[in-house]
Amino acid sequence: MVWSVLGKTLTITWFVTVMMVLVEYANVLSVDRLRFALCGSRWTQYVVATILGATPGCLGAFVVVALFIHRSVRLGAVVACMIATSGDESFVMLATFPRTALLLTLVLALVGILAGILTDVFSDTGTQELGCADMTVHDTAASCRCFDPASILVELRRPSAARGTLAIGTFLFFLAVISGTVGPAEWNWIRVTFLGVGLFSLFVVGTVPEHFIEEHLWRHIVAKHAPRIFLWTLASMTLVAVLDTSVNAEVFLRHSPWLMLSGAAFLGLVPESGPHLVVVMLYAAGNVPLSALVANSVVQDGHGMLPLLAHSWRDFMKVKAINLVAGILVGGALMMAGR
């Protein structure tokens, strides 16, 4: 059991970390276009904020919160984004049950847009003036030119320790996928996807400037996110393994389904990535129904709301209360439908 749990934890952590590299790369490339799109009409805000939220990771949620703090988007856009986002847990869901994860993302996006519209209809944020002209999300955009052919050879001749470590780690991930150590043992679309992700990650690590390596990849992903993902995944996988061997989950679910649903929804109030992995892993093991996973996913937003909590605890509580109601309603409807 120990080796099985450790092996699955390492596989998930490797895949999540590599995927976060790609998402960080895409976010830096597109952040300005998305930022100005958010400053458009109310309906554009809902759609773009939802897209940013549905993007795995935390940067999209941070962009929306930063714009809200600067009175550039409405509260409904924040609600839409936070319902659509699942933080770092979205990476883990894509690694463990990709089809369900994609469908869940679509459901969260639709619920987010609807909740965002209703939020602004029943509040006074709809008349808020936009002020995007002076808003800067990434002050060092000039040093974040992700692909500069003239500087690639210069960077590769004397790579930094961070670049070398990331290159070796990504290459080992690629070899592990080829050998079947990471991911499925048979050749299927998941294994091909893993290989594609590994190859593109090597391209990213080999071509981005040193600022991107140090700030976005090393300090943000490797130093901050990867250890937390590993530890929470290990704890969640261990809990699932213990429950499988010592607890009759079916009996508990049959007698307390609404308690399970409520617990998953209220757990989503925690403004941090990590604790929600417990629900993800329990669902992957078949110990909680889809309704509990959906309820938790609607309410939770990783740590995307922490900047808003620091800015205004009242607005933080408003968004969390709206998302909690939405999570219980949607999860409850699924539970009554037998899911």
C-alpha atoms as a PDB file:
ATOM      1  CA  MET A   1       0.000   0.000   0.000  1.00  0.00           C
ATOM      2  CA  VAL A   2       2.856   2.397   0.858  1.00  0.00           C
ATOM      3  CA  TRP A   3       4.589   1.970  -2.497  1.00  0.00           C
ATOM      4  CA  SER A   4       1.299   2.253  -4.375  1.00  0.00           C
ATOM      5  CA  VAL A   5       0.377   5.500  -2.609  1.00  0.00           C
ATOM      6  CA  LEU A   6       3.866   6.962  -3.074  1.00  0.00           C
ATOM      7  CA  GLY A   7       3.984   6.003  -6.757  1.00  0.00           C
ATOM      8  CA  LYS A   8       0.608   7.579  -7.520  1.00  0.00           C
ATOM      9  CA  THR A   9       1.529  10.689  -5.536  1.00  0.00           C
ATOM     10  CA  LEU A  10       4.771  11.168  -7.468  1.00  0.00           C
ATOM     11  CA  THR A  11       2.988  10.627 -10.794  1.00  0.00           C
ATOM     12  CA  ILE A  12       0.325  13.204 -10.004  1.00  0.00           C
ATOM     13  CA  THR A  13       2.871  15.705  -8.658  1.00  0.00           C
ATOM     14  CA  TRP A  14       5.079  15.366 -11.744  1.00  0.00           C
ATOM     15  CA  PHE A  15       2.171  15.830 -14.135  1.00  0.00           C
ATOM     16  CA  VAL A  16       0.651  18.724 -12.205  1.00  0.00           C
ATOM     17  CA  THR A  17       3.989  20.551 -12.002  1.00  0.00           C
ATOM     18  CA  VAL A  18       4.677  20.163 -15.722  1.00  0.00           C
ATOM     19  CA  MET A  19       1.139  21.284 -16.590  1.00  0.00           C
ATOM     20  CA  MET A  20       1.544  24.328 -14.355  1.00  0.00           C
ATOM     21  CA  VAL A  21       4.643  25.285 -16.356  1.00  0.00           C
ATOM     22  CA  LEU A  22       2.588  25.283 -19.562  1.00  0.00           C
ATOM     23  CA  VAL A  23      -0.302  27.224 -18.030  1.00  0.00           C
ATOM     24  CA  GLU A  24       2.079  29.828 -16.587  1.00  0.00           C
ATOM     25  CA  TYR A  25       3.623  30.216 -20.049  1.00  0.00           C
ATOM     26  CA  ALA A  26       0.227  30.655 -21.711  1.00  0.00           C
ATOM     27  CA  ASN A  27      -0.954  33.081 -19.030  1.00  0.00           C
ATOM     28  CA  VAL A  28       2.076  35.349 -19.400  1.00  0.00           C
ATOM     29  CA  LEU A  29       1.648  35.371 -23.188  1.00  0.00           C
ATOM     30  CA  SER A  30      -2.024  36.315 -23.022  1.00  0.00           C
ATOM     31  CA  VAL A  31      -2.450  38.253 -19.775  1.00  0.00           C
ATOM     32  CA  ASP A  32      -2.568  41.715 -21.386  1.00  0.00           C
ATOM     33  CA  ARG A  33      -5.154  40.693 -24.009  1.00  0.00           C
ATOM     34  CA  LEU A  34      -7.330  39.068 -21.362  1.00  0.00           C
ATOM     35  CA  ARG A  35      -6.925  42.045 -19.044  1.00  0.00           C
ATOM     36  CA  PHE A  36      -8.202  44.510 -21.622  1.00  0.00           C
ATOM     37  CA  ALA A  37     -11.002  42.130 -22.634  1.00  0.00           C
ATOM     38  CA  LEU A  38     -12.165  42.165 -19.015  1.00  0.00           C
ATOM     39  CA  CYS A  39     -12.546  45.921 -19.234  1.00  0.00           C
ATOM     40  CA  GLY A  40     -15.268  45.578 -21.874  1.00  0.00           C
ATOM     41  CA  SER A  41     -19.016  45.211 -21.452  1.00  0.00           C
ATOM     42  CA  ARG A  42     -20.659  43.463 -18.525  1.00  0.00           C
ATOM     43  CA  TRP A  43     -21.335  40.368 -20.627  1.00  0.00           C
ATOM     44  CA  THR A  44     -17.744  40.270 -21.849  1.00  0.00           C
ATOM     45  CA  GLN A  45     -16.602  40.427 -18.237  1.00  0.00           C
ATOM     46  CA  TYR A  46     -18.640  37.377 -17.272  1.00  0.00           C
ATOM     47  CA  VAL A  47     -17.333  35.302 -20.179  1.00  0.00           C
ATOM     48  CA  VAL A  48     -13.674  36.339 -19.931  1.00  0.00           C
ATOM     49  CA  ALA A  49     -13.633  36.065 -16.122  1.00  0.00           C
ATOM     50  CA  THR A  50     -15.093  32.568 -16.428  1.00  0.00           C
ATOM     51  CA  ILE A  51     -12.451  31.586 -18.972  1.00  0.00           C
ATOM     52  CA  LEU A  52      -9.726  32.901 -16.677  1.00  0.00           C
ATOM     53  CA  GLY A  53     -11.227  30.978 -13.773  1.00  0.00           C
ATOM     54  CA  ALA A  54     -11.554  27.759 -15.782  1.00  0.00           C
ATOM     55  CA  THR A  55      -7.855  27.924 -16.669  1.00  0.00           C
ATOM     56  CA  PRO A  56      -6.031  25.582 -14.266  1.00  0.00           C
ATOM     57  CA  GLY A  57      -3.978  27.311 -11.601  1.00  0.00           C
ATOM     58  CA  CYS A  58      -4.240  30.597  -9.752  1.00  0.00           C
ATOM     59  CA  LEU A  59      -3.045  33.346 -12.103  1.00  0.00           C
ATOM     60  CA  GLY A  60      -6.405  33.838 -13.842  1.00  0.00           C
ATOM     61  CA  ALA A  61      -8.184  34.251 -10.508  1.00  0.00           C
ATOM     62  CA  PHE A  62      -5.501  36.680  -9.318  1.00  0.00           C
ATOM     63  CA  VAL A  63      -5.956  38.825 -12.446  1.00  0.00           C
ATOM     64  CA  VAL A  64      -9.725  39.077 -11.878  1.00  0.00           C
ATOM     65  CA  VAL A  65      -9.313  39.915  -8.175  1.00  0.00           C
ATOM     66  CA  ALA A  66      -6.651  42.524  -8.952  1.00  0.00           C
ATOM     67  CA  LEU A  67      -8.976  44.198 -11.452  1.00  0.00           C
ATOM     68  CA  PHE A  68     -11.861  44.114  -8.958  1.00  0.00           C
ATOM     69  CA  ILE A  69      -9.698  45.725  -6.285  1.00  0.00           C
ATOM     70  CA  HIS A  70      -8.964  48.511  -8.784  1.00  0.00           C
ATOM     71  CA  ARG A  71     -12.713  48.873  -9.505  1.00  0.00           C
ATOM     72  CA  SER A  72     -12.260  47.640 -13.068  1.00  0.00           C
ATOM     73  CA  VAL A  73     -14.696  44.696 -13.002  1.00  0.00           C
ATOM     74  CA  ARG A  74     -17.947  44.036 -11.190  1.00  0.00           C
ATOM     75  CA  LEU A  75     -18.563  41.683  -8.289  1.00  0.00           C
ATOM     76  CA  GLY A  76     -20.446  39.338 -10.618  1.00  0.00           C
ATOM     77  CA  ALA A  77     -17.279  38.804 -12.650  1.00  0.00           C
ATOM     78  CA  VAL A  78     -15.434  37.766  -9.484  1.00  0.00           C
ATOM     79  CA  VAL A  79     -18.229  35.341  -8.570  1.00  0.00           C
ATOM     80  CA  ALA A  80     -18.192  33.853 -12.083  1.00  0.00           C
ATOM     81  CA  CYS A  81     -14.420  33.437 -11.987  1.00  0.00           C
ATOM     82  CA  MET A  82     -14.317  31.868  -8.517  1.00  0.00           C
ATOM     83  CA  ILE A  83     -17.057  29.363  -9.293  1.00  0.00           C
ATOM     84  CA  ALA A  84     -15.313  28.380 -12.516  1.00  0.00           C
ATOM     85  CA  THR A  85     -11.903  27.939 -10.890  1.00  0.00           C
ATOM     86  CA  SER A  86     -10.722  24.903  -8.963  1.00  0.00           C
ATOM     87  CA  GLY A  87      -7.206  26.110  -8.221  1.00  0.00           C
ATOM     88  CA  ASP A  88      -4.410  23.559  -8.288  1.00  0.00           C
ATOM     89  CA  GLU A  89      -6.956  20.772  -7.784  1.00  0.00           C
ATOM     90  CA  SER A  90      -7.953  21.137 -11.439  1.00  0.00           C
ATOM     91  CA  PHE A  91      -4.532  19.835 -12.462  1.00  0.00           C
ATOM     92  CA  VAL A  92      -4.954  16.795 -10.230  1.00  0.00           C
ATOM     93  CA  MET A  93      -8.435  16.096 -11.602  1.00  0.00           C
ATOM     94  CA  LEU A  94      -7.096  16.258 -15.164  1.00  0.00           C
ATOM     95  CA  ALA A  95      -4.399  13.768 -14.179  1.00  0.00           C
ATOM     96  CA  THR A  96      -6.727  11.298 -12.426  1.00  0.00           C
ATOM     97  CA  PHE A  97     -10.085  11.493 -14.260  1.00  0.00           C
ATOM     98  CA  PRO A  98      -9.620  13.738 -17.331  1.00  0.00           C
ATOM     99  CA  ARG A  99     -13.010  13.178 -19.006  1.00  0.00           C
ATOM    100  CA  THR A 100     -14.983  13.967 -15.855  1.00  0.00           C
ATOM    101  CA  ALA A 101     -12.671  16.911 -15.152  1.00  0.00           C
ATOM    102  CA  LEU A 102     -13.398  18.480 -18.551  1.00  0.00           C
ATOM    103  CA  LEU A 103     -17.155  18.018 -18.115  1.00  0.00           C
ATOM    104  CA  LEU A 104     -16.927  19.438 -14.609  1.00  0.00           C
ATOM    105  CA  THR A 105     -15.102  22.496 -15.953  1.00  0.00           C
ATOM    106  CA  LEU A 106     -17.913  23.086 -18.442  1.00  0.00           C
ATOM    107  CA  VAL A 107     -20.557  22.780 -15.703  1.00  0.00           C
ATOM    108  CA  LEU A 108     -18.647  25.152 -13.430  1.00  0.00           C
ATOM    109  CA  ALA A 109     -18.329  27.676 -16.265  1.00  0.00           C
ATOM    110  CA  LEU A 110     -22.069  27.654 -16.945  1.00  0.00           C
ATOM    111  CA  VAL A 111     -22.934  27.911 -13.249  1.00  0.00           C
ATOM    112  CA  GLY A 112     -20.370  30.689 -12.841  1.00  0.00           C
ATOM    113  CA  ILE A 113     -21.790  32.827 -15.642  1.00  0.00           C
ATOM    114  CA  LEU A 114     -25.344  32.398 -14.336  1.00  0.00           C
ATOM    115  CA  ALA A 115     -24.326  33.186 -10.754  1.00  0.00           C
ATOM    116  CA  GLY A 116     -22.335  36.211 -11.903  1.00  0.00           C
ATOM    117  CA  ILE A 117     -25.307  37.627 -13.804  1.00  0.00           C
ATOM    118  CA  LEU A 118     -27.651  37.103 -10.849  1.00  0.00           C
ATOM    119  CA  THR A 119     -25.129  38.673  -8.463  1.00  0.00           C
ATOM    120  CA  ASP A 120     -25.057  41.915 -10.408  1.00  0.00           C
ATOM    121  CA  VAL A 121     -28.828  41.893 -11.001  1.00  0.00           C
ATOM    122  CA  PHE A 122     -29.502  41.780  -7.246  1.00  0.00           C
ATOM    123  CA  SER A 123     -26.689  44.122  -6.207  1.00  0.00           C
ATOM    124  CA  ASP A 124     -25.584  47.670  -6.970  1.00  0.00           C
ATOM    125  CA  THR A 125     -22.300  46.680  -8.632  1.00  0.00           C
ATOM    126  CA  GLY A 126     -23.883  46.877 -12.080  1.00  0.00           C
ATOM    127  CA  THR A 127     -23.514  50.671 -12.104  1.00  0.00           C
ATOM    128  CA  GLN A 128     -19.834  50.587 -11.165  1.00  0.00           C
ATOM    129  CA  GLU A 129     -17.632  52.732 -13.397  1.00  0.00           C
ATOM    130  CA  LEU A 130     -14.790  50.945 -15.144  1.00  0.00           C
ATOM    131  CA  GLY A 131     -11.267  52.232 -14.740  1.00  0.00           C
ATOM    132  CA  CYS A 132      -8.871  50.003 -16.617  1.00  0.00           C
ATOM    133  CA  ALA A 133      -6.655  52.619 -18.204  1.00  0.00           C
ATOM    134  CA  ASP A 134      -3.996  52.700 -15.482  1.00  0.00           C
ATOM    135  CA  MET A 135      -4.292  49.097 -14.359  1.00  0.00           C
ATOM    136  CA  THR A 136      -1.084  47.031 -14.573  1.00  0.00           C
ATOM    137  CA  VAL A 137      -1.220  43.394 -13.524  1.00  0.00           C
ATOM    138  CA  HIS A 138       2.339  42.416 -14.402  1.00  0.00           C
ATOM    139  CA  ASP A 139       4.770  45.314 -13.957  1.00  0.00           C
ATOM    140  CA  THR A 140       7.695  43.387 -15.452  1.00  0.00           C
ATOM    141  CA  ALA A 141       6.012  42.480 -18.724  1.00  0.00           C
ATOM    142  CA  ALA A 142       8.968  43.833 -20.670  1.00  0.00           C
ATOM    143  CA  SER A 143      11.255  41.179 -19.158  1.00  0.00           C
ATOM    144  CA  CYS A 144       8.696  38.443 -19.818  1.00  0.00           C
ATOM    145  CA  ARG A 145       9.113  38.145 -23.579  1.00  0.00           C
ATOM    146  CA  CYS A 146       8.715  34.384 -23.564  1.00  0.00           C
ATOM    147  CA  PHE A 147      10.305  33.639 -26.941  1.00  0.00           C
ATOM    148  CA  ASP A 148      13.252  35.728 -28.130  1.00  0.00           C
ATOM    149  CA  PRO A 149      15.354  33.810 -30.725  1.00  0.00           C
ATOM    150  CA  ALA A 150      18.269  36.226 -30.340  1.00  0.00           C
ATOM    151  CA  SER A 151      18.743  35.395 -26.638  1.00  0.00           C
ATOM    152  CA  ILE A 152      18.096  31.637 -26.628  1.00  0.00           C
ATOM    153  CA  LEU A 153      21.660  30.550 -27.446  1.00  0.00           C
ATOM    154  CA  VAL A 154      23.055  33.090 -24.996  1.00  0.00           C
ATOM    155  CA  GLU A 155      20.885  31.685 -22.198  1.00  0.00           C
ATOM    156  CA  LEU A 156      21.669  28.048 -23.045  1.00  0.00           C
ATOM    157  CA  ARG A 157      25.460  28.513 -23.177  1.00  0.00           C
ATOM    158  CA  ARG A 158      25.565  29.275 -19.459  1.00  0.00           C
ATOM    159  CA  PRO A 159      22.295  27.992 -17.971  1.00  0.00           C
ATOM    160  CA  SER A 160      21.443  28.905 -14.408  1.00  0.00           C
ATOM    161  CA  ALA A 161      21.054  26.270 -11.712  1.00  0.00           C
ATOM    162  CA  ALA A 162      17.272  26.725 -11.826  1.00  0.00           C
ATOM    163  CA  ARG A 163      17.116  26.227 -15.610  1.00  0.00           C
ATOM    164  CA  GLY A 164      19.385  23.184 -15.453  1.00  0.00           C
ATOM    165  CA  THR A 165      17.367  21.588 -12.671  1.00  0.00           C
ATOM    166  CA  LEU A 166      14.067  22.203 -14.475  1.00  0.00           C
ATOM    167  CA  ALA A 167      15.472  20.853 -17.752  1.00  0.00           C
ATOM    168  CA  ILE A 168      16.732  17.662 -16.113  1.00  0.00           C
ATOM    169  CA  GLY A 169      13.500  17.175 -14.193  1.00  0.00           C
ATOM    170  CA  THR A 170      11.351  17.697 -17.289  1.00  0.00           C
ATOM    171  CA  PHE A 171      13.532  15.325 -19.315  1.00  0.00           C
ATOM    172  CA  LEU A 172      13.205  12.653 -16.606  1.00  0.00           C
ATOM    173  CA  PHE A 173       9.422  13.118 -16.706  1.00  0.00           C
ATOM    174  CA  PHE A 174       9.533  12.591 -20.481  1.00  0.00           C
ATOM    175  CA  LEU A 175      11.598   9.389 -20.108  1.00  0.00           C
ATOM    176  CA  ALA A 176       9.291   8.122 -17.355  1.00  0.00           C
ATOM    177  CA  VAL A 177       6.278   8.555 -19.635  1.00  0.00           C
ATOM    178  CA  ILE A 178       8.008   6.695 -22.487  1.00  0.00           C
ATOM    179  CA  SER A 179       8.926   3.814 -20.174  1.00  0.00           C
ATOM    180  CA  GLY A 180       5.432   3.641 -18.678  1.00  0.00           C
ATOM    181  CA  THR A 181       6.610   4.539 -15.167  1.00  0.00           C
ATOM    182  CA  VAL A 182       4.449   7.669 -15.200  1.00  0.00           C
ATOM    183  CA  GLY A 183       0.943   7.575 -16.625  1.00  0.00           C
ATOM    184  CA  PRO A 184      -0.781   4.608 -18.258  1.00  0.00           C
ATOM    185  CA  ALA A 185       1.303   1.555 -19.136  1.00  0.00           C
ATOM    186  CA  GLU A 186      -0.465   1.089 -22.480  1.00  0.00           C
ATOM    187  CA  TRP A 187      -0.336   3.510 -25.399  1.00  0.00           C
ATOM    188  CA  ASN A 188      -3.492   5.605 -25.488  1.00  0.00           C
ATOM    189  CA  TRP A 189      -4.494   9.251 -25.825  1.00  0.00           C
ATOM    190  CA  ILE A 190      -3.580   9.974 -22.205  1.00  0.00           C
ATOM    191  CA  ARG A 191      -0.030   8.694 -22.694  1.00  0.00           C
ATOM    192  CA  VAL A 192       0.326  10.663 -25.930  1.00  0.00           C
ATOM    193  CA  THR A 193      -0.906  13.767 -24.117  1.00  0.00           C
ATOM    194  CA  PHE A 194       1.674  13.220 -21.371  1.00  0.00           C
ATOM    195  CA  LEU A 195       4.412  12.995 -24.017  1.00  0.00           C
ATOM    196  CA  GLY A 196       3.197  16.150 -25.752  1.00  0.00           C
ATOM    197  CA  VAL A 197       3.124  18.020 -22.449  1.00  0.00           C
ATOM    198  CA  GLY A 198       6.645  16.839 -21.632  1.00  0.00           C
ATOM    199  CA  LEU A 199       8.034  17.873 -25.018  1.00  0.00           C
ATOM    200  CA  PHE A 200       6.485  21.325 -24.907  1.00  0.00           C
ATOM    201  CA  SER A 201       7.715  21.795 -21.339  1.00  0.00           C
ATOM    202  CA  LEU A 202      11.262  21.104 -22.546  1.00  0.00           C
ATOM    203  CA  PHE A 203      10.738  23.756 -25.212  1.00  0.00           C
ATOM    204  CA  VAL A 204       9.515  26.250 -22.603  1.00  0.00           C
ATOM    205  CA  VAL A 205      12.400  25.609 -20.199  1.00  0.00           C
ATOM    206  CA  GLY A 206      14.927  25.884 -23.028  1.00  0.00           C
ATOM    207  CA  THR A 207      13.632  29.108 -24.625  1.00  0.00           C
ATOM    208  CA  VAL A 208      12.167  31.414 -21.960  1.00  0.00           C
ATOM    209  CA  PRO A 209      14.283  34.247 -20.481  1.00  0.00           C
ATOM    210  CA  GLU A 210      15.970  33.982 -17.114  1.00  0.00           C
ATOM    211  CA  HIS A 211      13.324  36.182 -15.463  1.00  0.00           C
ATOM    212  CA  PHE A 212      10.617  33.702 -16.439  1.00  0.00           C
ATOM    213  CA  ILE A 213      12.704  30.786 -15.145  1.00  0.00           C
ATOM    214  CA  GLU A 214      13.484  32.408 -11.798  1.00  0.00           C
ATOM    215  CA  GLU A 215      10.231  34.214 -11.012  1.00  0.00           C
ATOM    216  CA  HIS A 216       7.462  32.276 -12.734  1.00  0.00           C
ATOM    217  CA  LEU A 217       8.764  28.703 -12.763  1.00  0.00           C
ATOM    218  CA  TRP A 218      11.256  28.295  -9.927  1.00  0.00           C
ATOM    219  CA  ARG A 219       9.949  30.590  -7.194  1.00  0.00           C
ATOM    220  CA  HIS A 220       6.257  30.341  -8.054  1.00  0.00           C
ATOM    221  CA  ILE A 221       5.744  26.749  -9.201  1.00  0.00           C
ATOM    222  CA  VAL A 222       8.669  24.646  -7.945  1.00  0.00           C
ATOM    223  CA  ALA A 223       9.267  26.355  -4.603  1.00  0.00           C
ATOM    224  CA  LYS A 224       5.691  27.313  -3.725  1.00  0.00           C
ATOM    225  CA  HIS A 225       3.224  24.971  -5.419  1.00  0.00           C
ATOM    226  CA  ALA A 226       5.009  21.648  -6.019  1.00  0.00           C
ATOM    227  CA  PRO A 227       5.837  20.813  -2.356  1.00  0.00           C
ATOM    228  CA  ARG A 228       2.293  21.675  -1.274  1.00  0.00           C
ATOM    229  CA  ILE A 229       0.779  19.571  -4.048  1.00  0.00           C
ATOM    230  CA  PHE A 230       3.015  16.609  -3.153  1.00  0.00           C
ATOM    231  CA  LEU A 231       2.239  16.745   0.573  1.00  0.00           C
ATOM    232  CA  TRP A 232      -1.510  17.228   0.195  1.00  0.00           C
ATOM    233  CA  THR A 233      -1.726  14.553  -2.495  1.00  0.00           C
ATOM    234  CA  LEU A 234       0.257  12.146  -0.318  1.00  0.00           C
ATOM    235  CA  ALA A 235      -2.005  12.859   2.665  1.00  0.00           C
ATOM    236  CA  SER A 236      -5.158  12.493   0.573  1.00  0.00           C
ATOM    237  CA  MET A 237      -4.007   9.271  -1.091  1.00  0.00           C
ATOM    238  CA  THR A 238      -3.057   7.840   2.301  1.00  0.00           C
ATOM    239  CA  LEU A 239      -6.483   8.754   3.703  1.00  0.00           C
ATOM    240  CA  VAL A 240      -8.204   7.098   0.737  1.00  0.00           C
ATOM    241  CA  ALA A 241      -6.101   3.953   1.151  1.00  0.00           C
ATOM    242  CA  VAL A 242      -6.915   3.748   4.874  1.00  0.00           C
ATOM    243  CA  LEU A 243     -10.637   4.285   4.219  1.00  0.00           C
ATOM    244  CA  ASP A 244     -10.616   1.549   1.595  1.00  0.00           C
ATOM    245  CA  THR A 245      -9.181  -0.951   4.064  1.00  0.00           C
ATOM    246  CA  SER A 246     -10.921   0.061   7.307  1.00  0.00           C
ATOM    247  CA  VAL A 247     -14.177   1.912   6.539  1.00  0.00           C
ATOM    248  CA  ASN A 248     -17.259   0.751   4.680  1.00  0.00           C
ATOM    249  CA  ALA A 249     -17.801   3.933   2.702  1.00  0.00           C
ATOM    250  CA  GLU A 250     -20.918   2.626   0.969  1.00  0.00           C
ATOM    251  CA  VAL A 251     -22.750   2.218   4.289  1.00  0.00           C
ATOM    252  CA  PHE A 252     -21.822   5.744   5.369  1.00  0.00           C
ATOM    253  CA  LEU A 253     -22.853   7.283   2.053  1.00  0.00           C
ATOM    254  CA  ARG A 254     -26.151   5.425   2.041  1.00  0.00           C
ATOM    255  CA  HIS A 255     -27.068   6.751   5.479  1.00  0.00           C
ATOM    256  CA  SER A 256     -25.478  10.232   5.351  1.00  0.00           C
ATOM    257  CA  PRO A 257     -25.371  11.485   1.744  1.00  0.00           C
ATOM    258  CA  TRP A 258     -26.509  15.006   2.615  1.00  0.00           C
ATOM    259  CA  LEU A 259     -23.969  15.223   5.426  1.00  0.00           C
ATOM    260  CA  MET A 260     -21.263  14.270   2.946  1.00  0.00           C
ATOM    261  CA  LEU A 261     -22.509  16.879   0.472  1.00  0.00           C
ATOM    262  CA  SER A 262     -22.648  19.619   3.108  1.00  0.00           C
ATOM    263  CA  GLY A 263     -19.203  18.732   4.398  1.00  0.00           C
ATOM    264  CA  ALA A 264     -17.726  18.912   0.897  1.00  0.00           C
ATOM    265  CA  ALA A 265     -19.404  22.280   0.264  1.00  0.00           C
ATOM    266  CA  PHE A 266     -18.294  23.851   3.557  1.00  0.00           C
ATOM    267  CA  LEU A 267     -14.756  22.526   3.045  1.00  0.00           C
ATOM    268  CA  GLY A 268     -14.759  24.649  -0.115  1.00  0.00           C
ATOM    269  CA  LEU A 269     -14.861  27.786   2.073  1.00  0.00           C
ATOM    270  CA  VAL A 270     -11.192  27.241   2.965  1.00  0.00           C
ATOM    271  CA  PRO A 271      -9.294  29.827   0.836  1.00  0.00           C
ATOM    272  CA  GLU A 272      -6.352  27.566   0.054  1.00  0.00           C
ATOM    273  CA  SER A 273      -5.350  24.851  -2.393  1.00  0.00           C
ATOM    274  CA  GLY A 274      -4.704  21.514  -0.746  1.00  0.00           C
ATOM    275  CA  PRO A 275      -7.553  20.559   1.600  1.00  0.00           C
ATOM    276  CA  HIS A 276      -9.926  20.105  -1.333  1.00  0.00           C
ATOM    277  CA  LEU A 277      -7.702  17.329  -2.699  1.00  0.00           C
ATOM    278  CA  VAL A 278      -9.298  15.114  -0.072  1.00  0.00           C
ATOM    279  CA  VAL A 279     -12.644  15.356  -1.893  1.00  0.00           C
ATOM    280  CA  VAL A 280     -10.948  14.859  -5.273  1.00  0.00           C
ATOM    281  CA  MET A 281      -9.177  11.700  -4.154  1.00  0.00           C
ATOM    282  CA  LEU A 282     -12.235  10.321  -2.396  1.00  0.00           C
ATOM    283  CA  TYR A 283     -14.209  10.795  -5.613  1.00  0.00           C
ATOM    284  CA  ALA A 284     -11.467   9.155  -7.679  1.00  0.00           C
ATOM    285  CA  ALA A 285     -11.601   6.154  -5.348  1.00  0.00           C
ATOM    286  CA  GLY A 286     -15.401   5.975  -5.562  1.00  0.00           C
ATOM    287  CA  ASN A 287     -15.942   6.954  -1.928  1.00  0.00           C
ATOM    288  CA  VAL A 288     -17.954  10.121  -2.576  1.00  0.00           C
ATOM    289  CA  PRO A 289     -20.519  10.797  -5.328  1.00  0.00           C
ATOM    290  CA  LEU A 290     -20.179  13.278  -8.177  1.00  0.00           C
ATOM    291  CA  SER A 291     -22.578  15.654  -6.400  1.00  0.00           C
ATOM    292  CA  ALA A 292     -20.111  16.086  -3.508  1.00  0.00           C
ATOM    293  CA  LEU A 293     -17.236  16.789  -5.910  1.00  0.00           C
ATOM    294  CA  VAL A 294     -19.331  19.360  -7.799  1.00  0.00           C
ATOM    295  CA  ALA A 295     -20.478  21.067  -4.584  1.00  0.00           C
ATOM    296  CA  ASN A 296     -16.891  21.367  -3.372  1.00  0.00           C
ATOM    297  CA  SER A 297     -15.638  22.568  -6.766  1.00  0.00           C
ATOM    298  CA  VAL A 298     -18.288  25.290  -7.030  1.00  0.00           C
ATOM    299  CA  VAL A 299     -17.452  26.696  -3.586  1.00  0.00           C
ATOM    300  CA  GLN A 300     -13.681  26.324  -3.537  1.00  0.00           C
ATOM    301  CA  ASP A 301     -11.339  28.611  -5.463  1.00  0.00           C
ATOM    302  CA  GLY A 302      -7.886  27.427  -4.423  1.00  0.00           C
ATOM    303  CA  HIS A 303      -6.049  30.439  -3.032  1.00  0.00           C
ATOM    304  CA  GLY A 304      -7.357  32.808  -5.701  1.00  0.00           C
ATOM    305  CA  MET A 305      -9.415  34.718  -3.128  1.00  0.00           C
ATOM    306  CA  LEU A 306      -6.597  35.439  -0.674  1.00  0.00           C
ATOM    307  CA  PRO A 307      -5.794  38.860  -2.219  1.00  0.00           C
ATOM    308  CA  LEU A 308      -9.465  39.832  -1.888  1.00  0.00           C
ATOM    309  CA  LEU A 309      -9.502  38.696   1.747  1.00  0.00           C
ATOM    310  CA  ALA A 310      -6.543  40.983   2.403  1.00  0.00           C
ATOM    311  CA  HIS A 311      -8.308  43.864   0.632  1.00  0.00           C
ATOM    312  CA  SER A 312     -11.896  43.548   1.909  1.00  0.00           C
ATOM    313  CA  TRP A 313     -13.197  40.807   4.160  1.00  0.00           C
ATOM    314  CA  ARG A 314     -16.767  41.965   3.432  1.00  0.00           C
ATOM    315  CA  ASP A 315     -16.409  41.392  -0.310  1.00  0.00           C
ATOM    316  CA  PHE A 316     -14.621  38.118   0.436  1.00  0.00           C
ATOM    317  CA  MET A 317     -17.555  36.939   2.565  1.00  0.00           C
ATOM    318  CA  LYS A 318     -20.075  38.048  -0.084  1.00  0.00           C
ATOM    319  CA  VAL A 319     -18.398  35.992  -2.811  1.00  0.00           C
ATOM    320  CA  LYS A 320     -17.953  32.973  -0.550  1.00  0.00           C
ATOM    321  CA  ALA A 321     -21.587  33.101   0.630  1.00  0.00           C
ATOM    322  CA  ILE A 322     -22.873  33.288  -2.959  1.00  0.00           C
ATOM    323  CA  ASN A 323     -20.641  30.404  -4.020  1.00  0.00           C
ATOM    324  CA  LEU A 324     -21.695  28.305  -1.014  1.00  0.00           C
ATOM    325  CA  VAL A 325     -25.368  28.710  -1.889  1.00  0.00           C
ATOM    326  CA  ALA A 326     -24.646  27.884  -5.537  1.00  0.00           C
ATOM    327  CA  GLY A 327     -22.594  24.825  -4.564  1.00  0.00           C
ATOM    328  CA  ILE A 328     -25.265  23.375  -2.287  1.00  0.00           C
ATOM    329  CA  LEU A 329     -28.014  24.024  -4.857  1.00  0.00           C
ATOM    330  CA  VAL A 330     -26.143  22.475  -7.777  1.00  0.00           C
ATOM    331  CA  GLY A 331     -24.748  19.594  -5.708  1.00  0.00           C
ATOM    332  CA  GLY A 332     -28.149  18.961  -4.163  1.00  0.00           C
ATOM    333  CA  ALA A 333     -29.822  18.855  -7.584  1.00  0.00           C
ATOM    334  CA  LEU A 334     -27.285  16.289  -8.757  1.00  0.00           C
ATOM    335  CA  MET A 335     -27.745  14.221  -5.618  1.00  0.00           C
ATOM    336  CA  MET A 336     -31.531  14.159  -6.064  1.00  0.00           C
ATOM    337  CA  ALA A 337     -30.894  13.069  -9.655  1.00  0.00           C
ATOM    338  CA  GLY A 338     -28.950  10.085  -8.348  1.00  0.00           C
ATOM    339  CA  ARG A 339     -25.469  11.422  -9.072  1.00  0.00           C
END
